[in-house]
Amino acid sequence: MQYQIQTLPIWDAYKTQDGCPLCAIFNDREKRIVGQYLAENVMDPDFRSASNSIGFCPDHIRQMYAGQNKLGLALQLETRAAQMAKLINKAPVDKKSAKKTAAMIEDHRGCVICNALAEPMERYYMTIAAMYANESEFPELFREAHHCLKHTAKLYDAAAYAGKSVKEYLSDLTAGIQRDLKRTESEMRAFADCFDFRNSGTKPDAQAIPRAIGVLITDKL
């Protein structure tokens, strides 16, 4: 089998069989990009221009704050504050101009890290669908995978890239999420039943709720 460099993260994630493979790919890329914004990207003019203009989302700023380079973070927050101060340089005089100011602020609120993740992740969804059609060993891994709801939706959206195998691709994708949702429902009922006085002494599975969150929301806790 031809292993191509752009598909290696996909093979690795699907062979691990530990939670959603696309969550694993996303988390790995996210960790690297957050690290870049605390290292070499701090003084890069292009990156600084983008971060000054739209900033970071709450989740990624928390990750950056938890990192080791507080000085690099402070420098970015300093110039971000200066950029916004230039934009909000006078008070609106009426409700119309107030709405324009609000819209202007919203136009400059975003996340450079989210943006940096969006395009490559879209390519991963398309590549996975294409691999299902073209890599003989991949469909079995795909059937066994535990995709979360978010990434199941993304894989449905990429179905066209499965070509002539689209019907089988959609069948396997649907069977997988149905399997995991039924398992989640059953495990949550069993967890709750442990607190029924009639089941006194029964211990709940400590990993049941993290597994449920991994299916319904995110693998990253």
N, C-alpha and C. Protein backbone atom coordinates (compact mmCIF):
# COMPACT_ATOMS: atom_id res chain seq x y z
N MET A 1 0.83 -1.19 0.00
CA MET A 1 0.00 0.00 0.00
C MET A 1 0.87 1.25 0.00
N GLN A 2 0.47 2.24 -0.79
CA GLN A 2 1.21 3.49 -0.86
C GLN A 2 0.81 4.40 0.30
N TYR A 3 1.74 4.64 1.20
CA TYR A 3 1.48 5.57 2.29
C TYR A 3 1.93 6.96 1.84
N GLN A 4 1.00 7.87 1.76
CA GLN A 4 1.32 9.22 1.36
C GLN A 4 1.42 10.10 2.60
N ILE A 5 2.29 11.09 2.54
CA ILE A 5 2.56 11.87 3.73
C ILE A 5 1.32 12.58 4.24
N GLN A 6 0.39 12.99 3.33
CA GLN A 6 -0.79 13.71 3.78
C GLN A 6 -1.84 12.79 4.41
N THR A 7 -1.71 11.48 4.20
CA THR A 7 -2.67 10.55 4.79
C THR A 7 -2.14 9.85 6.05
N LEU A 8 -0.88 10.01 6.34
CA LEU A 8 -0.31 9.32 7.51
C LEU A 8 -1.02 9.66 8.82
N PRO A 9 -1.33 10.94 9.09
CA PRO A 9 -2.05 11.22 10.34
C PRO A 9 -3.41 10.52 10.40
N ILE A 10 -4.04 10.35 9.25
CA ILE A 10 -5.33 9.66 9.22
C ILE A 10 -5.17 8.19 9.55
N TRP A 11 -4.19 7.53 8.89
CA TRP A 11 -3.93 6.12 9.19
C TRP A 11 -3.62 5.95 10.67
N ASP A 12 -2.76 6.79 11.20
CA ASP A 12 -2.36 6.67 12.61
C ASP A 12 -3.55 6.82 13.54
N ALA A 13 -4.39 7.83 13.26
CA ALA A 13 -5.54 8.09 14.14
C ALA A 13 -6.56 6.96 14.08
N TYR A 14 -6.81 6.43 12.90
CA TYR A 14 -7.80 5.37 12.77
C TYR A 14 -7.29 4.04 13.32
N LYS A 15 -5.98 3.81 13.24
CA LYS A 15 -5.44 2.56 13.77
C LYS A 15 -5.38 2.57 15.30
N THR A 16 -5.37 3.76 15.90
CA THR A 16 -5.30 3.84 17.36
C THR A 16 -6.58 3.31 18.00
N GLN A 17 -7.73 3.57 17.36
CA GLN A 17 -9.02 3.09 17.85
C GLN A 17 -9.28 3.51 19.30
N ASP A 18 -9.00 4.75 19.61
CA ASP A 18 -9.22 5.25 20.97
C ASP A 18 -9.96 6.58 20.86
N GLY A 19 -11.29 6.52 20.89
CA GLY A 19 -12.07 7.73 20.73
C GLY A 19 -12.18 8.14 19.27
N CYS A 20 -12.66 9.36 19.06
CA CYS A 20 -12.88 9.84 17.69
C CYS A 20 -11.54 10.14 17.01
N PRO A 21 -11.25 9.51 15.87
CA PRO A 21 -9.97 9.75 15.21
C PRO A 21 -9.81 11.18 14.72
N LEU A 22 -10.91 11.82 14.34
CA LEU A 22 -10.81 13.20 13.88
C LEU A 22 -10.60 14.17 15.05
N CYS A 23 -11.14 13.85 16.21
CA CYS A 23 -10.82 14.64 17.40
C CYS A 23 -9.32 14.54 17.70
N ALA A 24 -8.77 13.33 17.53
CA ALA A 24 -7.34 13.14 17.78
C ALA A 24 -6.50 13.96 16.82
N ILE A 25 -6.87 13.96 15.53
CA ILE A 25 -6.15 14.75 14.54
C ILE A 25 -6.26 16.23 14.85
N PHE A 26 -7.48 16.67 15.17
CA PHE A 26 -7.72 18.08 15.50
C PHE A 26 -6.90 18.50 16.72
N ASN A 27 -6.94 17.68 17.77
CA ASN A 27 -6.25 18.03 19.01
C ASN A 27 -4.74 18.13 18.79
N ASP A 28 -4.19 17.23 17.96
CA ASP A 28 -2.76 17.26 17.67
C ASP A 28 -2.38 18.53 16.92
N ARG A 29 -3.15 18.87 15.89
CA ARG A 29 -2.87 20.08 15.12
C ARG A 29 -3.04 21.33 15.99
N GLU A 30 -4.09 21.32 16.79
CA GLU A 30 -4.36 22.47 17.66
C GLU A 30 -3.21 22.70 18.63
N LYS A 31 -2.72 21.63 19.23
CA LYS A 31 -1.61 21.75 20.18
C LYS A 31 -0.38 22.36 19.52
N ARG A 32 -0.09 21.92 18.27
CA ARG A 32 1.07 22.45 17.56
C ARG A 32 0.89 23.94 17.24
N ILE A 33 -0.30 24.32 16.80
CA ILE A 33 -0.52 25.72 16.42
C ILE A 33 -0.50 26.62 17.65
N VAL A 34 -1.11 26.19 18.73
CA VAL A 34 -1.05 26.97 19.97
C VAL A 34 0.41 27.16 20.39
N GLY A 35 1.20 26.09 20.28
CA GLY A 35 2.62 26.18 20.60
C GLY A 35 3.36 27.17 19.72
N GLN A 36 2.98 27.23 18.44
CA GLN A 36 3.62 28.18 17.51
C GLN A 36 3.32 29.62 17.92
N TYR A 37 2.11 29.86 18.37
CA TYR A 37 1.76 31.23 18.78
C TYR A 37 2.38 31.62 20.11
N LEU A 38 3.00 30.66 20.76
CA LEU A 38 3.77 30.98 21.97
C LEU A 38 5.27 30.89 21.71
N ALA A 39 5.64 30.64 20.45
CA ALA A 39 7.06 30.48 20.12
C ALA A 39 7.40 31.34 18.91
N GLU A 40 7.65 30.68 17.75
CA GLU A 40 8.18 31.40 16.61
C GLU A 40 7.22 32.42 16.01
N ASN A 41 5.92 32.22 16.17
CA ASN A 41 4.95 33.15 15.56
C ASN A 41 4.83 34.47 16.32
N VAL A 42 5.36 34.50 17.54
CA VAL A 42 5.21 35.70 18.37
C VAL A 42 5.73 36.94 17.66
N MET A 43 6.88 36.83 17.00
CA MET A 43 7.49 38.00 16.37
C MET A 43 7.34 38.02 14.86
N ASP A 44 6.58 37.09 14.29
CA ASP A 44 6.37 37.07 12.85
C ASP A 44 5.35 38.14 12.47
N PRO A 45 5.71 39.08 11.59
CA PRO A 45 4.81 40.21 11.27
C PRO A 45 3.46 39.77 10.73
N ASP A 46 3.43 38.74 9.87
CA ASP A 46 2.16 38.30 9.29
C ASP A 46 1.23 37.73 10.35
N PHE A 47 1.80 36.89 11.21
CA PHE A 47 0.99 36.30 12.27
C PHE A 47 0.53 37.36 13.27
N ARG A 48 1.41 38.28 13.59
CA ARG A 48 1.05 39.34 14.54
C ARG A 48 -0.04 40.23 13.96
N SER A 49 0.02 40.51 12.68
CA SER A 49 -1.01 41.33 12.04
C SER A 49 -2.37 40.66 12.16
N ALA A 50 -2.41 39.33 11.93
CA ALA A 50 -3.68 38.59 12.02
C ALA A 50 -4.18 38.55 13.45
N SER A 51 -3.30 38.26 14.41
CA SER A 51 -3.74 38.17 15.80
C SER A 51 -4.15 39.53 16.34
N ASN A 52 -3.47 40.59 15.86
CA ASN A 52 -3.87 41.95 16.27
C ASN A 52 -5.26 42.29 15.77
N SER A 53 -5.57 41.82 14.55
CA SER A 53 -6.82 42.19 13.91
C SER A 53 -8.02 41.44 14.46
N ILE A 54 -7.88 40.11 14.71
CA ILE A 54 -9.06 39.35 15.14
C ILE A 54 -8.90 38.65 16.48
N GLY A 55 -7.69 38.55 17.00
CA GLY A 55 -7.50 38.00 18.33
C GLY A 55 -7.64 36.50 18.42
N PHE A 56 -8.03 36.03 19.61
CA PHE A 56 -8.15 34.60 19.91
C PHE A 56 -9.48 34.33 20.59
N CYS A 57 -10.02 33.13 20.38
CA CYS A 57 -11.26 32.75 21.05
C CYS A 57 -10.96 32.41 22.52
N PRO A 58 -11.98 32.35 23.38
CA PRO A 58 -11.76 32.05 24.79
C PRO A 58 -11.02 30.73 25.03
N ASP A 59 -11.37 29.69 24.27
CA ASP A 59 -10.73 28.38 24.48
C ASP A 59 -9.24 28.45 24.18
N HIS A 60 -8.86 29.09 23.08
CA HIS A 60 -7.45 29.11 22.70
C HIS A 60 -6.65 30.10 23.55
N ILE A 61 -7.26 31.16 24.01
CA ILE A 61 -6.50 32.06 24.89
C ILE A 61 -6.25 31.38 26.23
N ARG A 62 -7.19 30.53 26.67
CA ARG A 62 -6.96 29.77 27.91
C ARG A 62 -5.80 28.79 27.73
N GLN A 63 -5.74 28.16 26.56
CA GLN A 63 -4.64 27.23 26.29
C GLN A 63 -3.31 27.97 26.23
N MET A 64 -3.30 29.15 25.62
CA MET A 64 -2.07 29.93 25.55
C MET A 64 -1.64 30.39 26.94
N TYR A 65 -2.60 30.79 27.74
CA TYR A 65 -2.27 31.25 29.10
C TYR A 65 -1.71 30.11 29.95
N ALA A 66 -2.17 28.89 29.66
CA ALA A 66 -1.67 27.73 30.39
C ALA A 66 -0.28 27.32 29.93
N GLY A 67 0.21 27.90 28.82
CA GLY A 67 1.53 27.57 28.30
C GLY A 67 2.64 28.24 29.09
N GLN A 68 3.86 28.09 28.58
CA GLN A 68 5.04 28.52 29.33
C GLN A 68 5.53 29.92 28.97
N ASN A 69 5.04 30.48 27.86
CA ASN A 69 5.60 31.75 27.40
C ASN A 69 4.65 32.91 27.70
N LYS A 70 4.62 33.34 28.95
CA LYS A 70 3.75 34.45 29.33
C LYS A 70 4.21 35.75 28.68
N LEU A 71 5.52 35.92 28.47
CA LEU A 71 6.02 37.13 27.82
C LEU A 71 5.50 37.21 26.39
N GLY A 72 5.59 36.12 25.63
CA GLY A 72 5.09 36.11 24.26
C GLY A 72 3.60 36.42 24.21
N LEU A 73 2.85 35.88 25.15
CA LEU A 73 1.42 36.15 25.20
C LEU A 73 1.16 37.61 25.53
N ALA A 74 1.92 38.15 26.47
CA ALA A 74 1.74 39.55 26.85
C ALA A 74 2.01 40.49 25.68
N LEU A 75 3.04 40.19 24.88
CA LEU A 75 3.35 41.03 23.73
C LEU A 75 2.21 41.03 22.72
N GLN A 76 1.61 39.87 22.51
CA GLN A 76 0.49 39.79 21.57
C GLN A 76 -0.74 40.50 22.10
N LEU A 77 -1.00 40.38 23.39
CA LEU A 77 -2.15 41.06 23.97
C LEU A 77 -1.95 42.57 23.98
N GLU A 78 -0.70 43.01 24.16
CA GLU A 78 -0.40 44.45 24.13
C GLU A 78 -0.75 45.06 22.77
N THR A 79 -0.25 44.43 21.71
CA THR A 79 -0.50 44.99 20.38
C THR A 79 -1.94 44.78 19.93
N ARG A 80 -2.59 43.76 20.43
CA ARG A 80 -4.02 43.57 20.16
C ARG A 80 -4.82 44.70 20.80
N ALA A 81 -4.47 45.03 22.04
CA ALA A 81 -5.16 46.14 22.72
C ALA A 81 -4.93 47.45 21.99
N ALA A 82 -3.70 47.68 21.52
CA ALA A 82 -3.38 48.92 20.79
C ALA A 82 -4.18 49.01 19.49
N GLN A 83 -4.30 47.87 18.78
CA GLN A 83 -5.06 47.83 17.53
C GLN A 83 -6.52 48.18 17.78
N MET A 84 -7.10 47.60 18.81
CA MET A 84 -8.51 47.85 19.09
C MET A 84 -8.73 49.27 19.59
N ALA A 85 -7.76 49.80 20.32
CA ALA A 85 -7.88 51.19 20.80
C ALA A 85 -7.92 52.16 19.62
N LYS A 86 -7.18 51.86 18.55
CA LYS A 86 -7.21 52.71 17.35
C LYS A 86 -8.57 52.67 16.68
N LEU A 87 -9.19 51.50 16.71
CA LEU A 87 -10.49 51.35 16.06
C LEU A 87 -11.61 52.00 16.88
N ILE A 88 -11.53 51.86 18.19
CA ILE A 88 -12.55 52.46 19.07
C ILE A 88 -11.98 53.77 19.59
N ASN A 89 -11.84 54.75 18.72
CA ASN A 89 -11.12 55.98 19.08
C ASN A 89 -12.02 57.15 19.45
N LYS A 90 -13.34 56.96 19.32
CA LYS A 90 -14.26 58.01 19.76
C LYS A 90 -15.61 57.40 20.07
N ALA A 91 -16.36 58.09 20.89
CA ALA A 91 -17.66 57.58 21.31
C ALA A 91 -18.70 57.76 20.21
N PRO A 92 -19.57 56.78 20.00
CA PRO A 92 -20.68 56.96 19.06
C PRO A 92 -21.59 58.11 19.54
N VAL A 93 -22.24 58.78 18.59
CA VAL A 93 -23.06 59.94 18.97
C VAL A 93 -24.54 59.62 18.99
N ASP A 94 -24.94 58.50 18.42
CA ASP A 94 -26.36 58.12 18.41
C ASP A 94 -26.47 56.61 18.26
N LYS A 95 -27.72 56.13 18.23
CA LYS A 95 -27.90 54.67 18.19
C LYS A 95 -27.43 54.06 16.88
N LYS A 96 -27.51 54.81 15.78
CA LYS A 96 -27.05 54.30 14.49
C LYS A 96 -25.53 54.10 14.50
N SER A 97 -24.81 55.11 14.97
CA SER A 97 -23.35 54.98 15.03
C SER A 97 -22.93 53.97 16.09
N ALA A 98 -23.75 53.80 17.13
CA ALA A 98 -23.46 52.79 18.15
C ALA A 98 -23.53 51.39 17.55
N LYS A 99 -24.53 51.17 16.68
CA LYS A 99 -24.65 49.87 16.02
C LYS A 99 -23.47 49.63 15.09
N LYS A 100 -23.00 50.69 14.41
CA LYS A 100 -21.84 50.55 13.54
C LYS A 100 -20.60 50.20 14.34
N THR A 101 -20.46 50.84 15.51
CA THR A 101 -19.31 50.54 16.36
C THR A 101 -19.37 49.10 16.85
N ALA A 102 -20.57 48.67 17.24
CA ALA A 102 -20.73 47.27 17.69
C ALA A 102 -20.38 46.30 16.57
N ALA A 103 -20.84 46.59 15.36
CA ALA A 103 -20.55 45.72 14.22
C ALA A 103 -19.07 45.70 13.91
N MET A 104 -18.43 46.87 14.02
CA MET A 104 -16.99 46.95 13.76
C MET A 104 -16.21 46.10 14.77
N ILE A 105 -16.60 46.15 16.03
CA ILE A 105 -15.93 45.34 17.05
C ILE A 105 -16.13 43.85 16.75
N GLU A 106 -17.35 43.48 16.39
CA GLU A 106 -17.62 42.07 16.08
C GLU A 106 -16.82 41.60 14.87
N ASP A 107 -16.63 42.50 13.90
CA ASP A 107 -15.83 42.15 12.71
C ASP A 107 -14.38 41.87 13.06
N HIS A 108 -13.93 42.40 14.19
CA HIS A 108 -12.53 42.22 14.61
C HIS A 108 -12.40 41.26 15.79
N ARG A 109 -13.47 40.49 16.04
CA ARG A 109 -13.43 39.46 17.07
C ARG A 109 -13.52 38.10 16.40
N GLY A 110 -12.49 37.30 16.56
CA GLY A 110 -12.47 35.97 15.97
C GLY A 110 -11.37 35.17 16.62
N CYS A 111 -10.72 34.32 15.85
CA CYS A 111 -9.62 33.54 16.41
C CYS A 111 -8.70 33.09 15.29
N VAL A 112 -7.46 33.53 15.34
CA VAL A 112 -6.51 33.15 14.31
C VAL A 112 -6.20 31.65 14.37
N ILE A 113 -6.28 31.06 15.55
CA ILE A 113 -5.99 29.63 15.66
C ILE A 113 -7.14 28.81 15.09
N CYS A 114 -8.38 29.21 15.38
CA CYS A 114 -9.53 28.53 14.77
C CYS A 114 -9.45 28.62 13.25
N ASN A 115 -9.08 29.80 12.74
CA ASN A 115 -8.97 29.96 11.29
C ASN A 115 -7.88 29.07 10.71
N ALA A 116 -6.76 28.96 11.43
CA ALA A 116 -5.65 28.13 10.95
C ALA A 116 -6.00 26.65 10.96
N LEU A 117 -6.95 26.26 11.79
CA LEU A 117 -7.37 24.86 11.86
C LEU A 117 -8.44 24.51 10.84
N ALA A 118 -9.25 25.47 10.45
CA ALA A 118 -10.44 25.19 9.66
C ALA A 118 -10.12 24.56 8.30
N GLU A 119 -9.23 25.16 7.52
CA GLU A 119 -8.96 24.68 6.17
C GLU A 119 -8.34 23.29 6.15
N PRO A 120 -7.28 23.02 6.94
CA PRO A 120 -6.72 21.67 6.91
C PRO A 120 -7.70 20.61 7.40
N MET A 121 -8.56 20.95 8.35
CA MET A 121 -9.54 19.96 8.81
C MET A 121 -10.53 19.63 7.70
N GLU A 122 -10.94 20.63 6.93
CA GLU A 122 -11.83 20.36 5.80
C GLU A 122 -11.17 19.40 4.81
N ARG A 123 -9.87 19.57 4.61
CA ARG A 123 -9.15 18.67 3.71
C ARG A 123 -9.11 17.24 4.26
N TYR A 124 -9.01 17.12 5.58
CA TYR A 124 -9.02 15.79 6.19
C TYR A 124 -10.36 15.09 5.94
N TYR A 125 -11.48 15.81 6.09
CA TYR A 125 -12.78 15.18 5.87
C TYR A 125 -12.89 14.67 4.44
N MET A 126 -12.47 15.48 3.49
CA MET A 126 -12.53 15.08 2.08
C MET A 126 -11.60 13.90 1.81
N THR A 127 -10.42 13.94 2.40
CA THR A 127 -9.43 12.87 2.18
C THR A 127 -9.92 11.54 2.74
N ILE A 128 -10.57 11.58 3.90
CA ILE A 128 -11.08 10.35 4.51
C ILE A 128 -12.13 9.70 3.60
N ALA A 129 -13.03 10.52 3.07
CA ALA A 129 -14.04 9.97 2.16
C ALA A 129 -13.37 9.36 0.92
N ALA A 130 -12.35 10.04 0.39
CA ALA A 130 -11.64 9.52 -0.78
C ALA A 130 -10.88 8.25 -0.44
N MET A 131 -10.29 8.18 0.74
CA MET A 131 -9.58 6.98 1.16
C MET A 131 -10.52 5.79 1.28
N TYR A 132 -11.74 6.04 1.74
CA TYR A 132 -12.73 4.96 1.83
C TYR A 132 -12.93 4.31 0.46
N ALA A 133 -12.94 5.14 -0.57
CA ALA A 133 -13.18 4.64 -1.92
C ALA A 133 -11.93 4.02 -2.56
N ASN A 134 -10.76 4.48 -2.14
CA ASN A 134 -9.54 4.14 -2.90
C ASN A 134 -8.51 3.30 -2.15
N GLU A 135 -8.63 3.18 -0.84
CA GLU A 135 -7.66 2.41 -0.05
C GLU A 135 -8.35 1.15 0.47
N SER A 136 -7.93 0.00 -0.01
CA SER A 136 -8.65 -1.24 0.27
C SER A 136 -8.73 -1.59 1.75
N GLU A 137 -7.74 -1.20 2.53
CA GLU A 137 -7.71 -1.54 3.96
C GLU A 137 -8.45 -0.52 4.82
N PHE A 138 -8.80 0.63 4.25
CA PHE A 138 -9.36 1.69 5.07
C PHE A 138 -10.81 1.49 5.50
N PRO A 139 -11.71 0.96 4.64
CA PRO A 139 -13.11 0.83 5.06
C PRO A 139 -13.30 0.06 6.36
N GLU A 140 -12.50 -0.98 6.58
CA GLU A 140 -12.63 -1.74 7.83
C GLU A 140 -12.31 -0.87 9.03
N LEU A 141 -11.24 -0.08 8.95
CA LEU A 141 -10.89 0.84 10.03
C LEU A 141 -11.99 1.88 10.22
N PHE A 142 -12.55 2.36 9.12
CA PHE A 142 -13.62 3.35 9.16
C PHE A 142 -14.85 2.79 9.87
N ARG A 143 -15.21 1.55 9.58
CA ARG A 143 -16.38 0.92 10.20
C ARG A 143 -16.19 0.77 11.70
N GLU A 144 -14.97 0.50 12.13
CA GLU A 144 -14.70 0.25 13.55
C GLU A 144 -14.51 1.54 14.34
N ALA A 145 -14.33 2.66 13.65
CA ALA A 145 -14.01 3.92 14.33
C ALA A 145 -15.20 4.46 15.11
N HIS A 146 -14.89 5.25 16.14
CA HIS A 146 -15.91 5.89 16.97
C HIS A 146 -15.90 7.39 16.69
N HIS A 147 -16.65 7.82 15.70
CA HIS A 147 -16.70 9.23 15.35
C HIS A 147 -17.66 9.97 16.29
N CYS A 148 -17.26 11.14 16.76
CA CYS A 148 -18.16 11.96 17.57
C CYS A 148 -19.23 12.57 16.65
N LEU A 149 -20.28 13.14 17.25
CA LEU A 149 -21.37 13.72 16.46
C LEU A 149 -20.88 14.84 15.54
N LYS A 150 -20.02 15.70 16.08
CA LYS A 150 -19.52 16.83 15.28
C LYS A 150 -18.83 16.33 14.03
N HIS A 151 -17.94 15.38 14.17
CA HIS A 151 -17.17 14.91 13.02
C HIS A 151 -17.97 13.95 12.14
N THR A 152 -19.00 13.32 12.71
CA THR A 152 -19.92 12.55 11.88
C THR A 152 -20.61 13.48 10.89
N ALA A 153 -21.05 14.64 11.37
CA ALA A 153 -21.70 15.62 10.49
C ALA A 153 -20.74 16.07 9.38
N LYS A 154 -19.48 16.30 9.75
CA LYS A 154 -18.49 16.74 8.76
C LYS A 154 -18.25 15.64 7.71
N LEU A 155 -18.25 14.39 8.15
CA LEU A 155 -18.02 13.28 7.22
C LEU A 155 -19.23 13.06 6.32
N TYR A 156 -20.43 13.29 6.83
CA TYR A 156 -21.61 13.25 5.96
C TYR A 156 -21.47 14.32 4.87
N ASP A 157 -21.04 15.49 5.28
CA ASP A 157 -20.93 16.61 4.35
C ASP A 157 -19.90 16.34 3.24
N ALA A 158 -18.91 15.50 3.55
CA ALA A 158 -17.84 15.20 2.58
C ALA A 158 -18.14 13.95 1.75
N ALA A 159 -19.36 13.45 1.82
CA ALA A 159 -19.68 12.16 1.20
C ALA A 159 -19.40 12.12 -0.30
N ALA A 160 -19.52 13.24 -0.98
CA ALA A 160 -19.31 13.26 -2.44
C ALA A 160 -17.92 12.76 -2.81
N TYR A 161 -16.95 12.91 -1.91
CA TYR A 161 -15.58 12.52 -2.21
C TYR A 161 -15.37 11.01 -2.12
N ALA A 162 -16.41 10.29 -1.68
CA ALA A 162 -16.34 8.83 -1.67
C ALA A 162 -16.65 8.24 -3.04
N GLY A 163 -17.03 9.08 -3.98
CA GLY A 163 -17.25 8.65 -5.36
C GLY A 163 -18.26 7.52 -5.48
N LYS A 164 -17.88 6.48 -6.19
CA LYS A 164 -18.80 5.36 -6.43
C LYS A 164 -19.08 4.54 -5.18
N SER A 165 -18.28 4.76 -4.13
CA SER A 165 -18.48 4.02 -2.88
C SER A 165 -19.34 4.80 -1.89
N VAL A 166 -20.02 5.84 -2.34
CA VAL A 166 -20.72 6.74 -1.43
C VAL A 166 -21.81 6.02 -0.63
N LYS A 167 -22.53 5.09 -1.26
CA LYS A 167 -23.61 4.40 -0.54
C LYS A 167 -23.04 3.58 0.61
N GLU A 168 -21.97 2.83 0.36
CA GLU A 168 -21.35 2.03 1.41
C GLU A 168 -20.74 2.92 2.49
N TYR A 169 -20.12 4.01 2.07
CA TYR A 169 -19.52 4.98 3.00
C TYR A 169 -20.59 5.52 3.95
N LEU A 170 -21.71 5.94 3.41
CA LEU A 170 -22.77 6.50 4.24
C LEU A 170 -23.40 5.45 5.14
N SER A 171 -23.52 4.22 4.63
CA SER A 171 -24.07 3.14 5.44
C SER A 171 -23.18 2.85 6.64
N ASP A 172 -21.86 2.76 6.40
CA ASP A 172 -20.92 2.47 7.48
C ASP A 172 -20.85 3.62 8.48
N LEU A 173 -20.87 4.85 7.97
CA LEU A 173 -20.83 6.01 8.86
C LEU A 173 -22.05 6.04 9.77
N THR A 174 -23.22 5.78 9.19
CA THR A 174 -24.46 5.79 9.96
C THR A 174 -24.50 4.65 10.98
N ALA A 175 -24.09 3.47 10.56
CA ALA A 175 -24.08 2.33 11.47
C ALA A 175 -23.16 2.59 12.66
N GLY A 176 -22.03 3.25 12.41
CA GLY A 176 -21.09 3.53 13.48
C GLY A 176 -21.65 4.49 14.51
N ILE A 177 -22.26 5.59 14.06
CA ILE A 177 -22.78 6.56 15.04
C ILE A 177 -24.00 6.01 15.75
N GLN A 178 -24.82 5.20 15.06
CA GLN A 178 -25.96 4.57 15.73
C GLN A 178 -25.49 3.62 16.83
N ARG A 179 -24.46 2.85 16.52
CA ARG A 179 -23.88 1.92 17.51
C ARG A 179 -23.41 2.68 18.75
N ASP A 180 -22.68 3.78 18.54
CA ASP A 180 -22.10 4.50 19.66
C ASP A 180 -23.15 5.29 20.45
N LEU A 181 -24.19 5.78 19.78
CA LEU A 181 -25.26 6.48 20.49
C LEU A 181 -26.07 5.50 21.35
N LYS A 182 -26.33 4.31 20.82
CA LYS A 182 -27.05 3.30 21.60
C LYS A 182 -26.21 2.86 22.81
N ARG A 183 -24.90 2.69 22.59
CA ARG A 183 -24.03 2.33 23.71
C ARG A 183 -24.01 3.44 24.76
N THR A 184 -23.95 4.69 24.30
CA THR A 184 -23.93 5.82 25.22
C THR A 184 -25.22 5.88 26.04
N GLU A 185 -26.34 5.71 25.36
CA GLU A 185 -27.63 5.72 26.07
C GLU A 185 -27.67 4.63 27.13
N SER A 186 -27.23 3.43 26.77
CA SER A 186 -27.23 2.31 27.70
C SER A 186 -26.30 2.56 28.89
N GLU A 187 -25.10 3.09 28.61
CA GLU A 187 -24.14 3.34 29.69
C GLU A 187 -24.62 4.45 30.62
N MET A 188 -25.29 5.47 30.10
CA MET A 188 -25.79 6.54 30.95
C MET A 188 -26.94 6.05 31.83
N ARG A 189 -27.76 5.17 31.27
CA ARG A 189 -28.84 4.59 32.08
C ARG A 189 -28.25 3.73 33.19
N ALA A 190 -27.24 2.92 32.87
CA ALA A 190 -26.59 2.08 33.88
C ALA A 190 -25.92 2.94 34.94
N PHE A 191 -25.31 4.06 34.51
CA PHE A 191 -24.66 4.97 35.47
C PHE A 191 -25.71 5.53 36.43
N ALA A 192 -26.82 6.02 35.88
CA ALA A 192 -27.87 6.61 36.71
C ALA A 192 -28.48 5.57 37.65
N ASP A 193 -28.64 4.34 37.17
CA ASP A 193 -29.24 3.29 37.98
C ASP A 193 -28.41 2.96 39.21
N CYS A 194 -27.12 3.24 39.15
CA CYS A 194 -26.26 2.97 40.31
C CYS A 194 -26.66 3.83 41.51
N PHE A 195 -27.37 4.93 41.26
CA PHE A 195 -27.76 5.84 42.34
C PHE A 195 -29.17 5.55 42.85
N ASP A 196 -29.80 4.54 42.29
CA ASP A 196 -31.10 4.08 42.77
C ASP A 196 -30.88 3.30 44.06
N PHE A 197 -31.68 3.60 45.10
CA PHE A 197 -31.48 2.93 46.40
C PHE A 197 -31.60 1.42 46.28
N ARG A 198 -32.33 0.96 45.26
CA ARG A 198 -32.49 -0.48 45.10
C ARG A 198 -31.20 -1.15 44.61
N ASN A 199 -30.26 -0.33 44.13
CA ASN A 199 -28.98 -0.86 43.65
C ASN A 199 -27.84 -0.45 44.57
N SER A 200 -28.14 -0.32 45.84
CA SER A 200 -27.14 0.11 46.82
C SER A 200 -25.91 -0.78 46.77
N GLY A 201 -24.74 -0.13 46.70
CA GLY A 201 -23.48 -0.86 46.64
C GLY A 201 -22.94 -1.03 45.24
N THR A 202 -23.75 -0.73 44.24
CA THR A 202 -23.29 -0.81 42.85
C THR A 202 -22.49 0.44 42.51
N LYS A 203 -21.28 0.27 42.02
CA LYS A 203 -20.43 1.41 41.71
C LYS A 203 -20.56 1.79 40.23
N PRO A 204 -20.75 3.08 39.95
CA PRO A 204 -20.84 3.50 38.54
C PRO A 204 -19.48 3.43 37.86
N ASP A 205 -19.50 3.25 36.56
CA ASP A 205 -18.28 3.24 35.75
C ASP A 205 -17.75 4.67 35.66
N ALA A 206 -16.58 4.93 36.21
CA ALA A 206 -16.03 6.29 36.24
C ALA A 206 -15.74 6.85 34.86
N GLN A 207 -15.54 5.97 33.87
CA GLN A 207 -15.22 6.43 32.52
C GLN A 207 -16.44 6.54 31.62
N ALA A 208 -17.61 6.21 32.14
CA ALA A 208 -18.81 6.22 31.31
C ALA A 208 -19.17 7.63 30.84
N ILE A 209 -19.13 8.60 31.74
CA ILE A 209 -19.48 9.98 31.35
C ILE A 209 -18.44 10.56 30.39
N PRO A 210 -17.12 10.41 30.63
CA PRO A 210 -16.16 10.88 29.62
C PRO A 210 -16.38 10.23 28.25
N ARG A 211 -16.75 8.95 28.21
CA ARG A 211 -17.02 8.30 26.93
C ARG A 211 -18.23 8.93 26.25
N ALA A 212 -19.26 9.21 27.05
CA ALA A 212 -20.46 9.82 26.50
C ALA A 212 -20.17 11.22 25.95
N ILE A 213 -19.39 12.00 26.69
CA ILE A 213 -19.00 13.34 26.22
C ILE A 213 -18.19 13.23 24.95
N GLY A 214 -17.34 12.21 24.85
CA GLY A 214 -16.53 12.00 23.66
C GLY A 214 -17.37 11.73 22.43
N VAL A 215 -18.50 11.09 22.59
CA VAL A 215 -19.40 10.82 21.46
C VAL A 215 -20.26 12.05 21.15
N LEU A 216 -20.82 12.66 22.18
CA LEU A 216 -21.81 13.72 21.99
C LEU A 216 -21.23 15.10 21.79
N ILE A 217 -20.02 15.35 22.35
CA ILE A 217 -19.50 16.72 22.34
C ILE A 217 -18.05 16.80 21.91
N THR A 218 -17.14 16.26 22.69
CA THR A 218 -15.71 16.42 22.40
C THR A 218 -14.90 15.35 23.11
N ASP A 219 -13.80 14.96 22.47
CA ASP A 219 -12.86 14.03 23.11
C ASP A 219 -11.93 14.73 24.08
N LYS A 220 -11.91 16.07 24.05
CA LYS A 220 -10.93 16.82 24.81
C LYS A 220 -11.53 17.29 26.12
N LEU A 221 -11.18 16.61 27.22
CA LEU A 221 -11.65 17.02 28.54
C LEU A 221 -10.47 17.47 29.39
